N, C-alpha and C. Protein backbone atom coordinates (compact mmCIF):
# COMPACT_ATOMS: atom_id res chain seq x y z
N MET A 1 -28.33 144.56 -64.07
CA MET A 1 -28.42 145.19 -65.59
C MET A 1 -29.08 146.77 -65.54
N GLU A 2 -28.56 147.77 -65.59
CA GLU A 2 -28.96 148.85 -65.92
C GLU A 2 -29.20 149.55 -67.38
N ILE A 3 -30.14 150.00 -67.88
CA ILE A 3 -30.09 150.74 -69.15
C ILE A 3 -30.30 152.23 -69.35
N ALA A 4 -29.64 153.10 -69.47
CA ALA A 4 -30.16 154.42 -69.38
C ALA A 4 -29.67 155.01 -70.78
N ASP A 5 -30.77 156.38 -70.93
CA ASP A 5 -30.52 157.65 -71.85
C ASP A 5 -30.07 158.82 -71.29
N LYS A 6 -29.86 159.74 -71.85
CA LYS A 6 -29.38 160.54 -71.36
C LYS A 6 -29.96 161.50 -70.19
N ASP A 7 -31.32 160.83 -70.20
CA ASP A 7 -32.66 161.81 -69.73
C ASP A 7 -32.82 160.92 -68.40
N TYR A 8 -33.12 159.70 -68.49
CA TYR A 8 -33.36 158.73 -67.23
C TYR A 8 -33.19 157.28 -67.29
N THR A 9 -33.12 156.27 -66.51
CA THR A 9 -33.09 154.99 -66.40
C THR A 9 -34.24 154.47 -66.95
N ILE A 10 -34.25 153.60 -67.87
CA ILE A 10 -35.09 152.88 -68.66
C ILE A 10 -35.47 151.53 -68.06
N PHE A 11 -34.05 150.87 -67.56
CA PHE A 11 -34.71 149.42 -67.01
C PHE A 11 -33.48 149.31 -65.73
N LYS A 12 -34.15 148.81 -64.98
CA LYS A 12 -33.06 148.19 -64.13
C LYS A 12 -33.48 146.80 -63.76
N GLY A 13 -32.81 145.95 -63.71
CA GLY A 13 -33.24 144.14 -63.42
C GLY A 13 -32.11 143.19 -64.04
N TYR A 14 -32.68 142.11 -64.21
CA TYR A 14 -31.76 141.10 -64.44
C TYR A 14 -31.64 140.83 -66.18
N VAL A 15 -30.66 139.97 -66.84
CA VAL A 15 -30.52 139.82 -67.96
C VAL A 15 -30.00 138.39 -67.92
N ILE A 16 -30.14 137.61 -68.98
CA ILE A 16 -29.62 136.45 -69.16
C ILE A 16 -28.71 136.84 -70.39
N TYR A 17 -27.74 136.70 -70.59
CA TYR A 17 -26.62 137.31 -71.85
C TYR A 17 -26.05 136.11 -72.60
N LYS A 18 -25.24 136.04 -73.46
CA LYS A 18 -24.06 135.37 -74.27
C LYS A 18 -23.51 135.97 -75.16
N ILE A 19 -22.35 135.73 -75.11
CA ILE A 19 -21.51 136.25 -76.67
C ILE A 19 -22.09 135.11 -77.60
N VAL A 20 -22.30 135.69 -78.51
CA VAL A 20 -22.92 134.63 -79.92
C VAL A 20 -22.02 135.25 -81.02
N ALA A 21 -20.89 134.56 -81.87
CA ALA A 21 -20.46 135.46 -82.95
C ALA A 21 -19.81 136.77 -83.02
N ASP A 22 -20.46 137.65 -83.34
CA ASP A 22 -20.13 138.99 -83.70
C ASP A 22 -21.17 139.58 -82.86
N LYS A 23 -21.76 139.23 -81.57
CA LYS A 23 -22.77 139.86 -80.99
C LYS A 23 -22.71 139.43 -79.40
N LEU A 24 -23.49 140.89 -78.58
CA LEU A 24 -23.69 140.38 -77.77
C LEU A 24 -25.37 140.13 -77.42
N SER A 25 -25.71 138.78 -76.93
CA SER A 25 -27.24 138.97 -76.88
C SER A 25 -27.87 138.44 -75.34
N MET A 26 -28.77 139.59 -75.28
CA MET A 26 -28.99 139.41 -73.84
C MET A 26 -30.56 139.49 -73.97
N THR A 27 -31.03 138.96 -72.69
CA THR A 27 -32.88 138.76 -73.19
C THR A 27 -33.10 139.30 -71.13
N LYS A 28 -33.81 140.70 -71.28
CA LYS A 28 -34.33 141.19 -69.99
C LYS A 28 -35.47 140.05 -69.29
N VAL A 29 -35.08 139.85 -68.21
CA VAL A 29 -36.19 139.04 -67.64
C VAL A 29 -36.49 139.91 -66.06
N ARG A 30 -37.90 139.36 -65.80
CA ARG A 30 -38.23 139.83 -64.33
C ARG A 30 -39.16 138.69 -63.92
N GLY A 31 -38.37 138.15 -62.67
CA GLY A 31 -39.04 136.88 -62.16
C GLY A 31 -38.73 135.61 -63.40
N MET A 32 -39.92 135.12 -64.08
CA MET A 32 -40.30 134.15 -64.78
C MET A 32 -40.46 134.79 -66.51
N HIS A 33 -40.65 135.69 -66.55
CA HIS A 33 -41.01 136.61 -67.49
C HIS A 33 -40.21 137.18 -68.32
N VAL A 34 -40.17 136.93 -69.60
CA VAL A 34 -39.19 137.41 -70.58
C VAL A 34 -39.62 138.84 -71.09
N LEU A 35 -39.02 139.86 -70.72
CA LEU A 35 -39.16 141.27 -71.18
C LEU A 35 -39.03 141.45 -72.78
N GLN A 36 -37.86 141.33 -72.88
CA GLN A 36 -37.34 141.71 -74.17
C GLN A 36 -35.84 141.02 -74.74
N HIS A 37 -35.64 140.91 -76.22
CA HIS A 37 -34.63 140.31 -76.40
C HIS A 37 -33.70 141.54 -77.15
N ILE A 38 -32.80 142.04 -76.96
CA ILE A 38 -31.65 142.66 -77.55
C ILE A 38 -30.20 141.93 -78.15
N ASP A 39 -30.04 142.23 -79.18
CA ASP A 39 -28.86 141.95 -79.62
C ASP A 39 -27.84 143.00 -80.24
N ILE A 40 -26.90 143.13 -79.65
CA ILE A 40 -25.70 144.15 -80.05
C ILE A 40 -24.45 144.03 -80.36
N PRO A 41 -24.67 144.36 -81.68
CA PRO A 41 -23.39 144.06 -82.45
C PRO A 41 -22.23 144.50 -81.81
N PHE A 42 -20.94 143.90 -81.62
CA PHE A 42 -19.77 144.33 -81.13
C PHE A 42 -19.06 145.29 -81.75
N ALA A 43 -19.47 145.85 -83.00
CA ALA A 43 -18.87 146.91 -83.90
C ALA A 43 -19.84 148.25 -83.68
N LYS A 44 -20.83 148.04 -83.02
CA LYS A 44 -21.84 149.23 -82.73
C LYS A 44 -21.50 149.55 -81.27
N ILE A 45 -20.62 149.11 -80.55
CA ILE A 45 -20.47 149.45 -79.04
C ILE A 45 -19.05 150.28 -78.98
N THR A 46 -19.46 151.42 -78.22
CA THR A 46 -18.69 152.30 -78.04
C THR A 46 -18.31 152.74 -76.50
N ASN A 47 -17.22 153.32 -76.13
CA ASN A 47 -17.10 153.74 -74.75
C ASN A 47 -17.25 152.76 -73.64
N LEU A 48 -16.40 151.46 -74.16
CA LEU A 48 -16.02 150.29 -72.87
C LEU A 48 -15.84 150.99 -71.67
N ILE A 49 -16.22 150.58 -70.66
CA ILE A 49 -15.61 150.99 -69.51
C ILE A 49 -15.71 150.06 -68.83
N VAL A 50 -14.78 149.81 -67.85
CA VAL A 50 -14.47 149.11 -66.42
C VAL A 50 -14.11 150.00 -65.53
N GLU A 51 -15.01 149.86 -64.49
CA GLU A 51 -14.59 150.63 -63.41
C GLU A 51 -15.11 150.38 -61.83
N ASP A 52 -14.81 150.44 -60.76
CA ASP A 52 -14.91 150.00 -59.07
C ASP A 52 -16.04 150.26 -59.11
N TYR A 53 -17.27 149.66 -58.43
CA TYR A 53 -18.59 150.14 -57.91
C TYR A 53 -18.91 149.56 -56.67
N TYR A 54 -18.36 150.16 -55.35
CA TYR A 54 -18.56 149.76 -54.02
C TYR A 54 -17.68 147.97 -54.05
N GLY A 55 -16.71 148.38 -54.63
CA GLY A 55 -15.93 146.99 -54.62
C GLY A 55 -16.03 146.08 -55.30
N THR A 56 -16.90 146.14 -56.25
CA THR A 56 -17.12 144.97 -57.28
C THR A 56 -16.95 145.75 -58.63
N ASP A 57 -16.52 145.23 -60.00
CA ASP A 57 -16.82 145.78 -61.19
C ASP A 57 -18.03 146.34 -62.00
N CYS A 58 -17.91 147.27 -62.32
CA CYS A 58 -19.14 147.55 -63.19
C CYS A 58 -18.40 148.10 -64.62
N VAL A 59 -19.29 147.26 -65.63
CA VAL A 59 -18.59 147.11 -67.13
C VAL A 59 -19.94 147.86 -67.51
N SER A 60 -19.42 149.06 -68.04
CA SER A 60 -20.60 149.97 -68.91
C SER A 60 -20.20 150.10 -70.31
N PHE A 61 -21.04 150.47 -71.00
CA PHE A 61 -21.06 150.45 -72.65
C PHE A 61 -22.00 151.51 -73.19
N THR A 62 -21.74 152.09 -74.53
CA THR A 62 -22.90 152.64 -74.96
C THR A 62 -23.10 151.71 -76.44
N TYR A 63 -24.59 151.77 -76.49
CA TYR A 63 -25.14 151.37 -77.84
C TYR A 63 -26.23 152.05 -78.22
N GLN A 64 -26.15 152.81 -79.52
CA GLN A 64 -27.61 153.46 -79.63
C GLN A 64 -28.18 154.32 -78.72
N ASP A 65 -27.17 155.31 -78.23
CA ASP A 65 -27.29 156.53 -77.32
C ASP A 65 -27.95 155.91 -76.05
N LYS A 66 -27.81 154.76 -75.50
CA LYS A 66 -27.96 154.28 -74.12
C LYS A 66 -26.78 153.66 -73.60
N LYS A 67 -26.64 153.96 -72.50
CA LYS A 67 -25.69 153.36 -71.58
C LYS A 67 -26.09 151.88 -70.90
N TYR A 68 -25.41 151.09 -71.29
CA TYR A 68 -25.80 149.78 -70.73
C TYR A 68 -24.68 149.37 -69.39
N SER A 69 -25.35 148.95 -68.41
CA SER A 69 -24.06 148.83 -67.03
C SER A 69 -24.46 147.33 -66.51
N PHE A 70 -23.45 146.52 -66.46
CA PHE A 70 -23.45 145.25 -65.92
C PHE A 70 -22.97 145.43 -64.57
N ILE A 71 -23.79 146.04 -63.42
CA ILE A 71 -23.56 146.34 -61.90
C ILE A 71 -22.76 145.14 -61.08
N TYR A 72 -23.51 144.21 -61.34
CA TYR A 72 -23.13 143.13 -60.50
C TYR A 72 -23.31 141.91 -61.05
N THR A 73 -22.27 141.06 -61.71
CA THR A 73 -22.97 139.86 -62.24
C THR A 73 -22.22 138.35 -61.54
N GLY A 74 -22.00 138.55 -60.62
CA GLY A 74 -21.85 137.21 -59.83
C GLY A 74 -20.26 137.02 -59.51
N TYR A 75 -20.40 136.01 -58.73
CA TYR A 75 -18.55 135.77 -58.22
C TYR A 75 -17.86 135.17 -59.65
N GLY A 76 -16.86 136.38 -59.91
CA GLY A 76 -16.49 135.71 -61.04
C GLY A 76 -16.58 135.91 -62.54
N GLU A 77 -17.99 136.43 -62.47
CA GLU A 77 -18.90 136.81 -63.92
C GLU A 77 -18.40 137.62 -64.50
N SER A 78 -17.96 138.94 -63.57
CA SER A 78 -17.73 140.15 -64.34
C SER A 78 -16.51 139.96 -65.01
N GLN A 79 -15.61 139.30 -64.23
CA GLN A 79 -14.31 139.15 -64.71
C GLN A 79 -14.04 138.37 -66.26
N SER A 80 -15.17 137.23 -66.29
CA SER A 80 -15.49 136.70 -67.64
C SER A 80 -15.87 137.55 -68.23
N LEU A 81 -16.88 138.45 -68.20
CA LEU A 81 -17.55 139.42 -69.12
C LEU A 81 -16.73 140.36 -69.68
N ILE A 82 -15.58 140.86 -69.06
CA ILE A 82 -14.63 141.97 -69.64
C ILE A 82 -13.60 141.15 -70.37
N HIS A 83 -13.29 139.85 -69.91
CA HIS A 83 -12.43 139.13 -70.86
C HIS A 83 -13.05 138.88 -72.28
N GLN A 84 -14.34 138.22 -72.30
CA GLN A 84 -14.93 138.12 -73.52
C GLN A 84 -15.16 139.16 -74.38
N LEU A 85 -15.60 140.63 -73.65
CA LEU A 85 -15.88 141.94 -74.48
C LEU A 85 -14.46 142.34 -75.26
N TYR A 86 -13.31 142.50 -74.31
CA TYR A 86 -12.49 142.68 -74.96
C TYR A 86 -11.94 141.89 -76.33
N LYS A 87 -12.02 140.59 -75.69
CA LYS A 87 -11.66 139.76 -76.83
C LYS A 87 -12.46 139.66 -78.06
N ALA A 88 -13.75 140.30 -77.89
CA ALA A 88 -14.34 140.64 -79.15
C ALA A 88 -14.15 141.64 -79.78
N LEU A 89 -14.43 142.87 -79.06
CA LEU A 89 -14.02 144.22 -79.44
C LEU A 89 -12.81 144.02 -80.36
N LYS A 90 -11.39 143.62 -79.82
CA LYS A 90 -10.58 143.45 -80.78
C LYS A 90 -10.20 142.65 -81.84
N ALA A 91 -11.20 141.73 -81.84
CA ALA A 91 -11.12 140.77 -83.09
C ALA A 91 -11.59 141.68 -84.49
């Protein structure tokens, strides 16, 4: 996961995420330490983009003037994330 505003990268690291009702719930982690929890309502997500990034899918979107990018989510996980986000955003 990478989070960036228009000037620079704010966070690069791992997140644990899940889709809960009408939001994407993420917890930023570094090792065994929880850094921050973020709930992003689907209604507030804009600019959802799926693109190729060196042979893997990069899923990115904008929320509160920050760009959130899932660069590599694991084998098959990016397709699941893409499907879940599209499904939630169309609901």
